[in-house]
C-alpha atoms as a PDB file:
ATOM      1  CA  MET A   1      46.309 -28.229   5.578  1.00  0.00           C
ATOM      2  CA  LYS A   2      46.614 -24.920   3.757  1.00  0.00           C
ATOM      3  CA  LYS A   3      45.034 -26.484   0.667  1.00  0.00           C
ATOM      4  CA  ILE A   4      42.047 -27.703   2.720  1.00  0.00           C
ATOM      5  CA  LEU A   5      41.548 -24.262   4.249  1.00  0.00           C
ATOM      6  CA  LEU A   6      41.803 -22.642   0.810  1.00  0.00           C
ATOM      7  CA  ILE A   7      39.238 -25.029  -0.651  1.00  0.00           C
ATOM      8  CA  SER A   8      36.901 -24.443   2.311  1.00  0.00           C
ATOM      9  CA  THR A   9      37.216 -20.673   1.898  1.00  0.00           C
ATOM     10  CA  ILE A  10      36.425 -20.935  -1.811  1.00  0.00           C
ATOM     11  CA  ILE A  11      33.349 -23.098  -1.143  1.00  0.00           C
ATOM     12  CA  VAL A  12      32.035 -20.690   1.524  1.00  0.00           C
ATOM     13  CA  SER A  13      32.634 -17.747  -0.814  1.00  0.00           C
ATOM     14  CA  MET A  14      30.795 -19.509  -3.635  1.00  0.00           C
ATOM     15  CA  PHE A  15      27.785 -20.148  -1.412  1.00  0.00           C
ATOM     16  CA  ALA A  16      27.801 -16.512  -0.242  1.00  0.00           C
ATOM     17  CA  LEU A  17      27.866 -15.274  -3.826  1.00  0.00           C
ATOM     18  CA  ALA A  18      25.082 -17.674  -4.817  1.00  0.00           C
ATOM     19  CA  ALA A  19      22.928 -16.490  -1.915  1.00  0.00           C
ATOM     20  CA  LYS A  20      23.516 -12.844  -2.848  1.00  0.00           C
ATOM     21  CA  ALA A  21      22.600 -13.526  -6.464  1.00  0.00           C
ATOM     22  CA  MET A  22      19.291 -15.211  -5.600  1.00  0.00           C
ATOM     23  CA  PRO A  23      16.341 -12.821  -6.065  1.00  0.00           C
ATOM     24  CA  ILE A  24      14.184 -12.269  -3.012  1.00  0.00           C
ATOM     25  CA  SER A  25      10.420 -11.759  -2.830  1.00  0.00           C
ATOM     26  CA  ILE A  26       8.330  -8.833  -1.655  1.00  0.00           C
ATOM     27  CA  TYR A  27       7.391 -10.953   1.372  1.00  0.00           C
ATOM     28  CA  ASP A  28      11.076 -11.494   2.195  1.00  0.00           C
ATOM     29  CA  ILE A  29      11.614  -7.733   2.149  1.00  0.00           C
ATOM     30  CA  GLN A  30       8.461  -6.688   3.980  1.00  0.00           C
ATOM     31  CA  TYR A  31       7.950  -9.295   6.673  1.00  0.00           C
ATOM     32  CA  THR A  32       9.306  -8.165  10.022  1.00  0.00           C
ATOM     33  CA  THR A  33       8.731  -8.610  13.725  1.00  0.00           C
ATOM     34  CA  ASP A  34      10.460  -5.293  14.459  1.00  0.00           C
ATOM     35  CA  VAL A  35       7.964  -2.890  16.051  1.00  0.00           C
ATOM     36  CA  SER A  36       9.364  -0.111  13.840  1.00  0.00           C
ATOM     37  CA  GLY A  37       8.198  -1.976  10.745  1.00  0.00           C
ATOM     38  CA  ASP A  38      11.654  -1.668   9.166  1.00  0.00           C
ATOM     39  CA  SER A  39      12.707  -4.299   6.651  1.00  0.00           C
ATOM     40  CA  PRO A  40      15.440  -6.776   7.650  1.00  0.00           C
ATOM     41  CA  TYR A  41      17.027  -5.869   4.272  1.00  0.00           C
ATOM     42  CA  ALA A  42      17.023  -2.092   4.858  1.00  0.00           C
ATOM     43  CA  ASP A  43      19.978  -0.285   3.226  1.00  0.00           C
ATOM     44  CA  GLN A  44      20.938  -3.352   1.172  1.00  0.00           C
ATOM     45  CA  THR A  45      21.048  -3.651  -2.627  1.00  0.00           C
ATOM     46  CA  VAL A  46      19.302  -6.797  -3.835  1.00  0.00           C
ATOM     47  CA  ASP A  47      17.645  -8.493  -6.779  1.00  0.00           C
ATOM     48  CA  CYS A  48      13.871  -8.689  -6.301  1.00  0.00           C
ATOM     49  CA  ASP A  49      11.283 -10.989  -7.908  1.00  0.00           C
ATOM     50  CA  GLY A  50       8.887  -8.028  -7.801  1.00  0.00           C
ATOM     51  CA  GLY A  51       5.199  -8.324  -8.540  1.00  0.00           C
ATOM     52  CA  ILE A  52       2.206  -6.994 -10.445  1.00  0.00           C
ATOM     53  CA  VAL A  53       1.932  -3.208 -10.819  1.00  0.00           C
ATOM     54  CA  LEU A  54      -1.234  -2.317  -8.947  1.00  0.00           C
ATOM     55  CA  ASN A  55      -0.930   1.438  -9.369  1.00  0.00           C
ATOM     56  CA  LYS A  56       1.383   3.992 -11.000  1.00  0.00           C
ATOM     57  CA  TRP A  57       1.486   7.506  -9.598  1.00  0.00           C
ATOM     58  CA  VAL A  58       3.543  10.377 -10.956  1.00  0.00           C
ATOM     59  CA  GLY A  59       4.420  13.188  -8.579  1.00  0.00           C
ATOM     60  CA  GLY A  60       7.843  14.455  -7.492  1.00  0.00           C
ATOM     61  CA  SER A  61       8.909  10.901  -8.300  1.00  0.00           C
ATOM     62  CA  THR A  62       7.217   8.058 -10.136  1.00  0.00           C
ATOM     63  CA  LYS A  63       5.847   5.514  -7.679  1.00  0.00           C
ATOM     64  CA  LEU A  64       4.826   1.974  -8.559  1.00  0.00           C
ATOM     65  CA  THR A  65       2.750   0.015  -6.068  1.00  0.00           C
ATOM     66  CA  LEU A  66       3.549  -3.667  -6.502  1.00  0.00           C
ATOM     67  CA  TYR A  67       1.533  -6.697  -5.439  1.00  0.00           C
ATOM     68  CA  ASP A  68       2.702 -10.286  -5.010  1.00  0.00           C
ATOM     69  CA  PRO A  69      -0.263 -12.681  -5.520  1.00  0.00           C
ATOM     70  CA  ALA A  70       1.574 -15.326  -3.479  1.00  0.00           C
ATOM     71  CA  ASN A  71       0.752 -13.270  -0.349  1.00  0.00           C
ATOM     72  CA  THR A  72      -2.847 -12.101  -0.441  1.00  0.00           C
ATOM     73  CA  THR A  73      -3.485 -11.542   3.263  1.00  0.00           C
ATOM     74  CA  GLY A  74      -0.445  -9.491   4.291  1.00  0.00           C
ATOM     75  CA  TRP A  75       3.203  -8.593   3.654  1.00  0.00           C
ATOM     76  CA  GLY A  76       2.532  -8.800  -0.093  1.00  0.00           C
ATOM     77  CA  GLY A  77       2.895  -5.168  -1.216  1.00  0.00           C
ATOM     78  CA  ILE A  78       5.731  -2.692  -1.700  1.00  0.00           C
ATOM     79  CA  ILE A  79       6.427   0.557  -3.539  1.00  0.00           C
ATOM     80  CA  ALA A  80       9.210   1.214  -6.028  1.00  0.00           C
ATOM     81  CA  LYS A  81      10.364   4.784  -6.718  1.00  0.00           C
ATOM     82  CA  ALA A  82      12.375   6.414  -9.487  1.00  0.00           C
ATOM     83  CA  PHE A  83      13.125  10.099 -10.025  1.00  0.00           C
ATOM     84  CA  GLY A  84      13.878   9.797 -13.752  1.00  0.00           C
ATOM     85  CA  GLY A  85      12.033   8.212 -16.658  1.00  0.00           C
ATOM     86  CA  GLU A  86      12.860   4.612 -15.759  1.00  0.00           C
ATOM     87  CA  PHE A  87       9.189   3.729 -15.181  1.00  0.00           C
ATOM     88  CA  ASP A  88       7.724   5.704 -18.116  1.00  0.00           C
ATOM     89  CA  SER A  89       6.691   2.628 -20.119  1.00  0.00           C
ATOM     90  CA  ILE A  90       5.420   0.624 -17.149  1.00  0.00           C
ATOM     91  CA  GLN A  91       1.648   0.064 -16.927  1.00  0.00           C
ATOM     92  CA  SER A  92      -0.773  -1.389 -14.380  1.00  0.00           C
ATOM     93  CA  GLY A  93      -0.957  -5.154 -14.824  1.00  0.00           C
ATOM     94  CA  ASP A  94       2.723  -5.509 -15.744  1.00  0.00           C
ATOM     95  CA  TRP A  95       4.743  -7.949 -13.654  1.00  0.00           C
ATOM     96  CA  VAL A  96       8.081  -6.268 -13.036  1.00  0.00           C
ATOM     97  CA  SER A  97      11.244  -7.483 -11.323  1.00  0.00           C
ATOM     98  CA  PHE A  98      14.450  -5.667 -10.387  1.00  0.00           C
ATOM     99  CA  THR A  99      18.189  -6.152 -10.241  1.00  0.00           C
ATOM    100  CA  ASN A 100      20.512  -4.100  -8.041  1.00  0.00           C
ATOM    101  CA  ILE A 101      17.656  -2.259  -6.356  1.00  0.00           C
ATOM    102  CA  LEU A 102      18.207  -0.450  -3.055  1.00  0.00           C
ATOM    103  CA  ILE A 103      15.864  -1.138  -0.146  1.00  0.00           C
ATOM    104  CA  GLU A 104      15.202   1.983   1.915  1.00  0.00           C
ATOM    105  CA  GLU A 105      13.007   3.105   4.781  1.00  0.00           C
ATOM    106  CA  ARG A 106      11.427   6.471   3.951  1.00  0.00           C
ATOM    107  CA  SER A 107       8.912   8.190   6.253  1.00  0.00           C
ATOM    108  CA  GLY A 108       7.865   4.819   7.659  1.00  0.00           C
ATOM    109  CA  ASN A 109       7.543   3.001   4.335  1.00  0.00           C
ATOM    110  CA  THR A 110       9.764   0.245   3.013  1.00  0.00           C
ATOM    111  CA  GLN A 111      10.549   1.012  -0.638  1.00  0.00           C
ATOM    112  CA  LEU A 112      12.613  -0.139  -3.592  1.00  0.00           C
ATOM    113  CA  SER A 113      14.710   2.839  -4.697  1.00  0.00           C
ATOM    114  CA  PHE A 114      15.920   2.937  -8.305  1.00  0.00           C
ATOM    115  CA  GLU A 115      19.539   4.090  -8.517  1.00  0.00           C
ATOM    116  CA  THR A 116      22.422   4.102 -10.980  1.00  0.00           C
ATOM    117  CA  GLY A 117      23.030   0.464 -11.844  1.00  0.00           C
ATOM    118  CA  SER A 118      19.462  -0.620 -11.066  1.00  0.00           C
ATOM    119  CA  THR A 119      17.380  -2.255 -13.780  1.00  0.00           C
ATOM    120  CA  ILE A 120      13.664  -3.001 -14.115  1.00  0.00           C
ATOM    121  CA  ASN A 121      12.428  -5.938 -16.161  1.00  0.00           C
ATOM    122  CA  VAL A 122       8.887  -6.462 -17.493  1.00  0.00           C
ATOM    123  CA  ASP A 123       8.351 -10.209 -17.082  1.00  0.00           C
ATOM    124  CA  SER A 124       4.701 -10.291 -18.269  1.00  0.00           C
ATOM    125  CA  THR A 125       1.795  -7.954 -19.026  1.00  0.00           C
ATOM    126  CA  GLY A 126      -1.986  -7.924 -18.595  1.00  0.00           C
ATOM    127  CA  ASN A 127      -1.987  -9.632 -15.214  1.00  0.00           C
ATOM    128  CA  THR A 128      -5.162  -9.594 -13.121  1.00  0.00           C
ATOM    129  CA  LEU A 129      -5.211  -6.938 -10.411  1.00  0.00           C
ATOM    130  CA  PRO A 130      -6.080  -8.035  -6.864  1.00  0.00           C
ATOM    131  CA  GLU A 131      -9.316  -7.630  -4.973  1.00  0.00           C
ATOM    132  CA  ALA A 132      -9.053  -5.326  -1.968  1.00  0.00           C
ATOM    133  CA  ILE A 133      -8.492  -6.944   1.424  1.00  0.00           C
ATOM    134  CA  GLU A 134     -11.491  -6.438   3.719  1.00  0.00           C
ATOM    135  CA  ILE A 135     -10.243  -4.865   6.967  1.00  0.00           C
ATOM    136  CA  THR A 136     -12.083  -5.938  10.107  1.00  0.00           C
ATOM    137  CA  LEU A 137      -9.355  -5.078  12.605  1.00  0.00           C
ATOM    138  CA  SER A 138      -9.913  -1.958  14.701  1.00  0.00           C
ATOM    139  CA  SER A 139      -7.146  -0.119  12.794  1.00  0.00           C
ATOM    140  CA  PHE A 140      -4.705  -0.517   9.901  1.00  0.00           C
ATOM    141  CA  ALA A 141      -1.490  -2.436  10.587  1.00  0.00           C
ATOM    142  CA  GLU A 142       2.037  -2.881   9.232  1.00  0.00           C
ATOM    143  CA  GLN A 143       1.328  -6.108   7.324  1.00  0.00           C
ATOM    144  CA  TYR A 144      -0.983  -4.184   4.971  1.00  0.00           C
ATOM    145  CA  GLU A 145       1.612  -1.577   3.975  1.00  0.00           C
ATOM    146  CA  SER A 146       1.410  -0.906   0.204  1.00  0.00           C
ATOM    147  CA  MET A 147      -1.484  -3.358  -0.198  1.00  0.00           C
ATOM    148  CA  LYS A 148      -4.986  -2.540  -1.456  1.00  0.00           C
ATOM    149  CA  VAL A 149      -7.553  -2.712   1.334  1.00  0.00           C
ATOM    150  CA  LYS A 150     -11.223  -1.919   1.867  1.00  0.00           C
ATOM    151  CA  VAL A 151     -13.261  -0.738   4.846  1.00  0.00           C
ATOM    152  CA  SER A 152     -17.026  -1.166   4.730  1.00  0.00           C
ATOM    153  CA  ASP A 153     -20.101   0.637   6.093  1.00  0.00           C
ATOM    154  CA  VAL A 154     -18.167   3.739   7.044  1.00  0.00           C
ATOM    155  CA  GLU A 155     -19.014   7.355   7.866  1.00  0.00           C
ATOM    156  CA  ILE A 156     -16.656  10.328   7.672  1.00  0.00           C
ATOM    157  CA  THR A 157     -16.588  11.693  11.211  1.00  0.00           C
ATOM    158  CA  ASP A 158     -13.644  14.132  11.088  1.00  0.00           C
ATOM    159  CA  MET A 159     -11.507  15.967   8.520  1.00  0.00           C
ATOM    160  CA  ASP A 160      -8.321  18.056   8.178  1.00  0.00           C
ATOM    161  CA  LEU A 161      -6.227  15.525  10.068  1.00  0.00           C
ATOM    162  CA  GLY A 162      -2.641  14.307   9.867  1.00  0.00           C
ATOM    163  CA  LYS A 163       0.764  15.729   9.021  1.00  0.00           C
ATOM    164  CA  TYR A 164      -0.537  17.726   6.038  1.00  0.00           C
ATOM    165  CA  GLY A 165      -4.102  18.268   7.218  1.00  0.00           C
ATOM    166  CA  ASP A 166      -5.497  16.259   4.314  1.00  0.00           C
ATOM    167  CA  ASN A 167      -6.705  13.129   6.090  1.00  0.00           C
ATOM    168  CA  TYR A 168     -10.239  12.247   7.070  1.00  0.00           C
ATOM    169  CA  ASN A 169     -11.463   9.736   9.634  1.00  0.00           C
ATOM    170  CA  LEU A 170     -13.626   6.776   8.656  1.00  0.00           C
ATOM    171  CA  ASN A 171     -15.653   5.154  11.404  1.00  0.00           C
ATOM    172  CA  ASN A 172     -17.532   1.866  11.396  1.00  0.00           C
ATOM    173  CA  ILE A 173     -18.510  -0.823  13.865  1.00  0.00           C
ATOM    174  CA  ASN A 174     -14.934  -2.129  13.962  1.00  0.00           C
ATOM    175  CA  GLY A 175     -12.956   1.067  14.553  1.00  0.00           C
ATOM    176  CA  ASN A 176     -11.470   4.224  13.051  1.00  0.00           C
ATOM    177  CA  TYR A 177      -9.302   4.534   9.937  1.00  0.00           C
ATOM    178  CA  TRP A 178      -7.581   7.481   8.313  1.00  0.00           C
ATOM    179  CA  ALA A 179      -7.851   8.009   4.566  1.00  0.00           C
ATOM    180  CA  GLY A 180      -6.507  10.544   2.070  1.00  0.00           C
ATOM    181  CA  ASP A 181      -6.863  11.402  -1.621  1.00  0.00           C
ATOM    182  CA  TYR A 182      -3.504  12.823  -2.714  1.00  0.00           C
ATOM    183  CA  MET A 183      -2.952   9.864  -5.069  1.00  0.00           C
ATOM    184  CA  ASN A 184      -6.497  10.045  -6.453  1.00  0.00           C
ATOM    185  CA  THR A 185      -6.352  11.099 -10.121  1.00  0.00           C
ATOM    186  CA  ASP A 186     -10.039  12.130  -9.977  1.00  0.00           C
ATOM    187  CA  ALA A 187      -9.624  14.505  -7.030  1.00  0.00           C
ATOM    188  CA  GLY A 188      -9.515  18.202  -7.871  1.00  0.00           C
ATOM    189  CA  GLY A 189      -8.054  19.303  -4.553  1.00  0.00           C
ATOM    190  CA  PRO A 190      -6.959  17.864  -1.245  1.00  0.00           C
ATOM    191  CA  TYR A 191     -10.225  15.899  -1.068  1.00  0.00           C
ATOM    192  CA  HIS A 192     -12.288  13.997  -3.607  1.00  0.00           C
ATOM    193  CA  SER A 193     -15.676  15.633  -4.301  1.00  0.00           C
ATOM    194  CA  LEU A 194     -17.496  12.736  -2.585  1.00  0.00           C
ATOM    195  CA  VAL A 195     -15.635  13.375   0.667  1.00  0.00           C
ATOM    196  CA  GLY A 196     -17.389  15.477   3.274  1.00  0.00           C
ATOM    197  CA  LEU A 197     -18.213  15.435   6.960  1.00  0.00           C
ATOM    198  CA  GLY A 198     -21.070  13.033   7.618  1.00  0.00           C
ATOM    199  CA  ALA A 199     -20.808  11.291   4.237  1.00  0.00           C
ATOM    200  CA  GLU A 200     -21.592   7.575   4.374  1.00  0.00           C
ATOM    201  CA  PHE A 201     -20.294   4.816   2.101  1.00  0.00           C
ATOM    202  CA  ASP A 202     -20.908   1.131   1.536  1.00  0.00           C
ATOM    203  CA  SER A 203     -17.124   0.897   1.281  1.00  0.00           C
ATOM    204  CA  ILE A 204     -13.956   2.826   0.477  1.00  0.00           C
ATOM    205  CA  SER A 205     -10.824   1.184  -0.947  1.00  0.00           C
ATOM    206  CA  GLY A 206      -7.248   2.350  -1.234  1.00  0.00           C
ATOM    207  CA  ILE A 207      -3.552   1.622  -0.804  1.00  0.00           C
ATOM    208  CA  ILE A 208      -2.047   1.656   2.686  1.00  0.00           C
ATOM    209  CA  GLU A 209       0.810   4.057   3.359  1.00  0.00           C
ATOM    210  CA  HIS A 210       2.692   4.354   6.630  1.00  0.00           C
ATOM    211  CA  LYS A 211       3.483   7.937   7.581  1.00  0.00           C
ATOM    212  CA  ILE A 212       6.193   8.785  10.116  1.00  0.00           C
ATOM    213  CA  SER A 213       7.294  12.413  10.304  1.00  0.00           C
ATOM    214  CA  ASP A 214       8.142  14.641  13.244  1.00  0.00           C
ATOM    215  CA  SER A 215       5.696  13.567  15.970  1.00  0.00           C
ATOM    216  CA  TRP A 216       3.350  11.856  13.502  1.00  0.00           C
ATOM    217  CA  ASP A 217       3.087   8.079  13.151  1.00  0.00           C
ATOM    218  CA  TYR A 218      -0.024   6.713  11.422  1.00  0.00           C
ATOM    219  CA  TYR A 219      -1.334   4.594   8.571  1.00  0.00           C
ATOM    220  CA  GLN A 220      -3.476   6.121   5.857  1.00  0.00           C
ATOM    221  CA  MET A 221      -5.525   4.512   3.103  1.00  0.00           C
ATOM    222  CA  LEU A 222      -4.963   6.376  -0.176  1.00  0.00           C
ATOM    223  CA  THR A 223      -7.765   6.304  -2.741  1.00  0.00           C
ATOM    224  CA  THR A 224      -6.707   6.277  -6.410  1.00  0.00           C
ATOM    225  CA  GLU A 225      -9.940   6.880  -8.398  1.00  0.00           C
ATOM    226  CA  THR A 226     -13.660   7.581  -8.026  1.00  0.00           C
ATOM    227  CA  ALA A 227     -14.415   3.855  -8.259  1.00  0.00           C
ATOM    228  CA  ASP A 228     -12.727   3.400  -4.875  1.00  0.00           C
ATOM    229  CA  PHE A 229     -15.795   5.029  -3.299  1.00  0.00           C
ATOM    230  CA  VAL A 230     -18.943   2.882  -3.219  1.00  0.00           C
ATOM    231  CA  VAL A 231     -21.934   4.988  -2.232  1.00  0.00           C
ATOM    232  CA  PRO A 232     -25.260   3.512  -1.044  1.00  0.00           C
ATOM    233  CA  GLU A 233     -27.891   2.976  -3.738  1.00  0.00           C
ATOM    234  CA  PRO A 234     -30.694   5.593  -3.658  1.00  0.00           C
ATOM    235  CA  ALA A 235     -33.227   2.872  -2.791  1.00  0.00           C
ATOM    236  CA  THR A 236     -31.093   1.798   0.150  1.00  0.00           C
ATOM    237  CA  ILE A 237     -30.840   5.375   1.404  1.00  0.00           C
ATOM    238  CA  ALA A 238     -34.607   5.798   1.142  1.00  0.00           C
ATOM    239  CA  LEU A 239     -35.211   2.520   2.991  1.00  0.00           C
ATOM    240  CA  LEU A 240     -32.829   3.479   5.774  1.00  0.00           C
ATOM    241  CA  ALA A 241     -34.463   6.892   6.090  1.00  0.00           C
ATOM    242  CA  ALA A 242     -37.936   5.304   6.246  1.00  0.00           C
ATOM    243  CA  GLY A 243     -36.749   2.849   8.878  1.00  0.00           C
ATOM    244  CA  ALA A 244     -35.284   5.685  10.950  1.00  0.00           C
ATOM    245  CA  ALA A 245     -38.547   7.640  10.704  1.00  0.00           C
ATOM    246  CA  ILE A 246     -40.587   4.633  11.894  1.00  0.00           C
ATOM    247  CA  PHE A 247     -38.149   4.088  14.771  1.00  0.00           C
ATOM    248  CA  ARG A 248     -38.475   7.736  15.862  1.00  0.00           C
ATOM    249  CA  LYS A 249     -42.278   7.541  15.649  1.00  0.00           C
ATOM    250  CA  ARG A 250     -42.380   4.435  17.831  1.00  0.00           C
ATOM    251  CA  ARG A 251     -40.138   6.061  20.402  1.00  0.00           C
ATOM    252  CA  ASN A 252     -42.450   9.085  20.572  1.00  0.00           C
ATOM    253  CA  THR A 253     -45.628   7.033  21.093  1.00  0.00           C
END
């Protein structure tokens, strides 16, 4: 009887070790039904299949935004952070994976935190970057965290918003969305030069970040370069202006 119990214990232990050793996907880490948005793997150290580096941003830490092409409509993005030089050689388009990486919740975002004992592996290079997801919901949502999205036919209706007073509101027929430029390498200040009250755009793209701090809880779309702003063609502006003038004339007659 003791031998049977011992064998059973060994088998269970082997399965537990095998499960722990199996890498998990970005989707596994990000998908949640918890209203807080917290990962079911929060505070655990795991191996992660990773994804394609969509963006690399160097600030107080180096932040990689990763994209898993197996999940194009949601729960397919995550950020990885390191405070040393671990990501120095990593470039956009690299597919990277991790071993012994800590999953943390920081200011509302689920992230992979590089620590002592963590490793990053470049599995391939030159991968195609994703198209932005067109947002037609009335607001941003948790499933788009760390993914590249786009909102179309928008006007800037308010500025100096958010925790740090550097957000601006985008309004279109669907709803209102907050954006910011702190990750934009072409911005010379808190705002990109194209950003101003009343400015209109065919579309603006960026990476979704969840921000929870003090009494603040919101999603912001972070632009990364000038190309994220698509302004109307001059001919289109002229046509719209002419149409508006005709409309006003008809109303006055």
